[in-house]
Amino acid sequence: MLTLASKLKREEGVRAGRTPAGSNDASHRVSVRDRLLIKEVSELEANLPNTCKVTFPDENKLYHFQLAISPDEGYYLGGKFQFEIEVPEAYNMVPPRVKCLTRIWHPNIAETGEICLSLLREHSIDGTGWAPTRTLKDVVWGLNSLFTDLLNFDDPLNIDAAEHHLRDKEDFRNKVQDFIKNYAR
């Protein structure tokens, strides 16, 4: 993160006419997305739920990071679930792309990692989808809430998991715990 912030300061120096000798304007450009991410990542880190941890495989690429969620209540208590978040160049006009890397038995997360969370929808007729006013903090808090208050059995992505819950809540809980034991430790 520090390297990207330094890059941004150098670009501002270029705009102000303080171009370092031998430098090239193109090498100092920072995209709108990257400017937003510098601000949003620091805000996110200051307001991260205690059940979440963010890691950046490359500090120079704030647009690609991982989120670990360890729910402290509910069906998924005891699990640690990894998500990969990729912020596209067109951010904040389009939402980040999110994939669950941990196998999970969840009505709103497919076993292949796709996620059903309204704020990640680019186009939504009900008005709950992505909007340029949303931030990474909204995404992280939304993903965290999929394990508690946004857990939705009525509008599932994984229909089998939702029907399993409807049929037998105790057996559903047992299957979730089996998945945690085998994939989410």
Protein backbone atom coordinates (compact mmCIF):
# COMPACT_ATOMS: atom_id res chain seq x y z
CA MET A 1 0.00 0.00 0.00
CA LEU A 2 2.80 2.41 0.80
CA THR A 3 4.31 1.99 -2.65
CA LEU A 4 1.01 2.83 -4.35
CA ALA A 5 0.55 5.87 -2.10
CA SER A 6 4.08 7.01 -2.98
CA LYS A 7 3.26 6.59 -6.66
CA LEU A 8 0.21 8.80 -6.19
CA LYS A 9 2.31 11.53 -4.52
CA ARG A 10 4.84 11.41 -7.37
CA GLU A 11 2.01 11.86 -9.88
CA GLU A 12 0.75 14.89 -7.99
CA GLY A 13 4.27 16.30 -8.13
CA VAL A 14 4.34 15.75 -11.90
CA ARG A 15 1.05 17.65 -12.27
CA ALA A 16 2.44 20.50 -10.20
CA GLY A 17 5.46 20.74 -12.51
CA ARG A 18 7.94 19.03 -10.21
CA THR A 19 8.84 16.22 -12.63
CA PRO A 20 11.90 14.29 -11.46
CA ALA A 21 14.70 14.15 -14.04
CA GLY A 22 14.37 11.24 -16.44
CA SER A 23 10.82 10.36 -15.44
CA ASN A 24 7.98 9.71 -17.80
CA ASP A 25 4.41 10.99 -17.20
CA ALA A 26 2.89 7.66 -18.26
CA SER A 27 4.88 5.73 -15.66
CA HIS A 28 3.44 7.93 -12.89
CA ARG A 29 -0.26 7.78 -13.79
CA VAL A 30 -2.53 6.38 -11.16
CA SER A 31 -6.02 5.32 -12.21
CA VAL A 32 -9.21 6.66 -10.67
CA ARG A 33 -9.79 3.16 -9.27
CA ASP A 34 -6.41 3.16 -7.54
CA ARG A 35 -7.03 6.63 -6.07
CA LEU A 36 -10.34 5.43 -4.66
CA LEU A 37 -8.78 2.24 -3.33
CA ILE A 38 -6.08 4.06 -1.38
CA LYS A 39 -8.78 5.93 0.51
CA GLU A 40 -11.22 3.01 0.79
CA VAL A 41 -8.64 0.46 1.98
CA SER A 42 -7.53 2.68 4.85
CA GLU A 43 -11.19 3.28 5.78
CA LEU A 44 -11.90 -0.44 5.50
CA GLU A 45 -8.96 -1.40 7.72
CA ALA A 46 -10.16 1.09 10.35
CA ASN A 47 -13.73 -0.31 10.30
CA LEU A 48 -13.23 -4.03 9.78
CA PRO A 49 -15.62 -6.33 11.67
CA ASN A 50 -13.82 -8.37 14.34
CA THR A 51 -14.75 -11.54 12.41
CA CYS A 52 -12.86 -10.41 9.28
CA LYS A 53 -9.25 -10.15 8.17
CA VAL A 54 -8.03 -8.62 4.92
CA THR A 55 -4.72 -9.58 3.27
CA PHE A 56 -3.04 -8.18 0.17
CA PRO A 57 -0.83 -10.68 -1.68
CA ASP A 58 0.87 -7.69 -3.37
CA GLU A 59 0.85 -4.31 -1.58
CA ASN A 60 1.08 -2.57 -4.96
CA LYS A 61 -2.17 -4.14 -6.13
CA LEU A 62 -4.90 -2.87 -3.84
CA TYR A 63 -7.40 -4.03 -6.46
CA HIS A 64 -6.75 -7.68 -5.59
CA PHE A 65 -7.06 -8.96 -2.04
CA GLN A 66 -8.36 -11.75 0.12
CA LEU A 67 -10.86 -11.64 2.92
CA ALA A 68 -11.09 -14.26 5.67
CA ILE A 69 -14.35 -14.43 7.63
CA SER A 70 -14.57 -16.40 10.88
CA PRO A 71 -18.21 -16.14 12.04
CA ASP A 72 -18.68 -15.85 15.79
CA GLU A 73 -22.30 -17.09 15.83
CA GLY A 74 -24.83 -19.16 13.90
CA TYR A 75 -24.53 -22.20 11.67
CA TYR A 76 -21.04 -21.28 10.47
CA LEU A 77 -19.44 -20.72 13.88
CA GLY A 78 -16.00 -22.33 13.98
CA GLY A 79 -15.33 -22.00 10.25
CA LYS A 80 -12.85 -19.79 8.42
CA PHE A 81 -14.00 -18.82 4.95
CA GLN A 82 -11.71 -17.30 2.33
CA PHE A 83 -12.92 -14.89 -0.34
CA GLU A 84 -11.01 -13.43 -3.25
CA ILE A 85 -11.93 -9.88 -4.22
CA GLU A 86 -10.93 -8.33 -7.53
CA VAL A 87 -11.74 -4.66 -8.13
CA PRO A 88 -12.14 -3.99 -11.88
CA GLU A 89 -10.67 -0.95 -13.62
CA ALA A 90 -14.21 0.48 -14.06
CA TYR A 91 -14.73 0.58 -10.27
CA ASN A 92 -16.73 2.35 -8.73
CA MET A 93 -19.19 2.29 -11.60
CA VAL A 94 -19.18 -1.52 -11.45
CA PRO A 95 -18.96 -3.76 -8.38
CA PRO A 96 -15.95 -5.80 -7.32
CA ARG A 97 -15.87 -9.44 -8.39
CA VAL A 98 -15.99 -11.76 -5.40
CA LYS A 99 -15.48 -15.51 -5.20
CA CYS A 100 -15.58 -17.81 -2.19
CA LEU A 101 -12.44 -19.96 -2.21
CA THR A 102 -13.63 -22.26 0.60
CA ARG A 103 -16.04 -25.10 -0.09
CA ILE A 104 -19.18 -24.34 1.83
CA TRP A 105 -22.76 -25.58 2.25
CA HIS A 106 -24.64 -22.31 2.11
CA PRO A 107 -27.89 -21.24 0.40
CA ASN A 108 -26.35 -18.01 -0.95
CA ILE A 109 -22.94 -19.35 -1.97
CA ALA A 110 -22.61 -22.01 -4.68
CA GLU A 111 -20.20 -24.87 -4.12
CA THR A 112 -18.22 -23.42 -7.06
CA GLY A 113 -17.73 -20.13 -5.18
CA GLU A 114 -20.27 -17.82 -6.82
CA ILE A 115 -22.04 -15.52 -4.39
CA CYS A 116 -25.61 -14.25 -4.28
CA LEU A 117 -25.46 -10.87 -2.57
CA SER A 118 -27.64 -8.09 -3.96
CA LEU A 119 -25.07 -5.31 -3.56
CA LEU A 120 -22.70 -7.21 -5.89
CA ARG A 121 -25.26 -7.11 -8.71
CA GLU A 122 -24.41 -4.55 -11.34
CA HIS A 123 -28.03 -4.15 -12.46
CA SER A 124 -30.85 -4.59 -10.00
CA ILE A 125 -34.49 -3.71 -10.50
CA ASP A 126 -35.16 -3.51 -6.76
CA GLY A 127 -32.56 -0.79 -6.16
CA THR A 128 -30.44 -2.87 -3.78
CA GLY A 129 -27.69 -3.59 -6.33
CA TRP A 130 -24.37 -1.88 -6.86
CA ALA A 131 -24.25 1.91 -6.92
CA PRO A 132 -21.23 4.23 -7.25
CA THR A 133 -21.87 5.37 -3.68
CA ARG A 134 -21.05 1.90 -2.31
CA THR A 135 -17.56 1.08 -1.07
CA LEU A 136 -15.35 -1.89 -0.25
CA LYS A 137 -16.50 -1.55 3.35
CA ASP A 138 -20.07 -2.26 2.18
CA VAL A 139 -18.86 -5.34 0.31
CA VAL A 140 -16.93 -6.72 3.30
CA TRP A 141 -19.77 -6.05 5.75
CA GLY A 142 -22.25 -7.61 3.28
CA LEU A 143 -20.14 -10.76 2.90
CA ASN A 144 -19.75 -10.98 6.68
CA SER A 145 -23.54 -10.67 7.06
CA LEU A 146 -24.12 -13.65 4.74
CA PHE A 147 -23.23 -15.76 7.77
CA THR A 148 -25.76 -14.07 10.07
CA ASP A 149 -28.57 -11.65 9.26
CA LEU A 150 -28.32 -11.80 5.43
CA LEU A 151 -28.41 -15.60 5.34
CA ASN A 152 -31.34 -16.04 2.95
CA PHE A 153 -33.10 -19.36 2.45
CA ASP A 154 -35.98 -17.79 0.48
CA ASP A 155 -33.94 -16.60 -2.54
CA PRO A 156 -31.13 -19.16 -2.78
CA LEU A 157 -28.29 -19.58 -5.23
CA ASN A 158 -27.65 -23.09 -3.88
CA ILE A 159 -31.18 -24.48 -4.05
CA ASP A 160 -30.11 -27.84 -2.61
CA ALA A 161 -28.76 -26.19 0.55
CA ALA A 162 -31.93 -24.10 0.98
CA GLU A 163 -34.20 -27.12 0.49
CA HIS A 164 -32.04 -29.16 2.87
CA HIS A 165 -32.56 -26.49 5.54
CA LEU A 166 -36.30 -26.47 4.90
CA ARG A 167 -36.50 -30.29 5.18
CA ASP A 168 -34.30 -30.83 8.23
CA LYS A 169 -32.62 -27.96 10.08
CA GLU A 170 -30.63 -30.26 12.35
CA ASP A 171 -29.25 -32.31 9.46
CA PHE A 172 -28.46 -29.05 7.64
CA ARG A 173 -26.47 -27.88 10.68
CA ASN A 174 -24.61 -31.22 10.73
CA LYS A 175 -23.73 -30.95 7.03
CA VAL A 176 -22.51 -27.36 7.51
CA GLN A 177 -20.29 -28.56 10.39
CA ASP A 178 -18.96 -31.43 8.22
CA PHE A 179 -18.02 -28.90 5.53
CA ILE A 180 -16.35 -26.70 8.15
CA LYS A 181 -14.39 -29.66 9.53
CA ASN A 182 -13.27 -30.77 6.06
CA TYR A 183 -12.74 -27.46 4.24
CA ALA A 184 -12.91 -24.40 6.51
CA ARG A 185 -10.32 -24.78 9.26
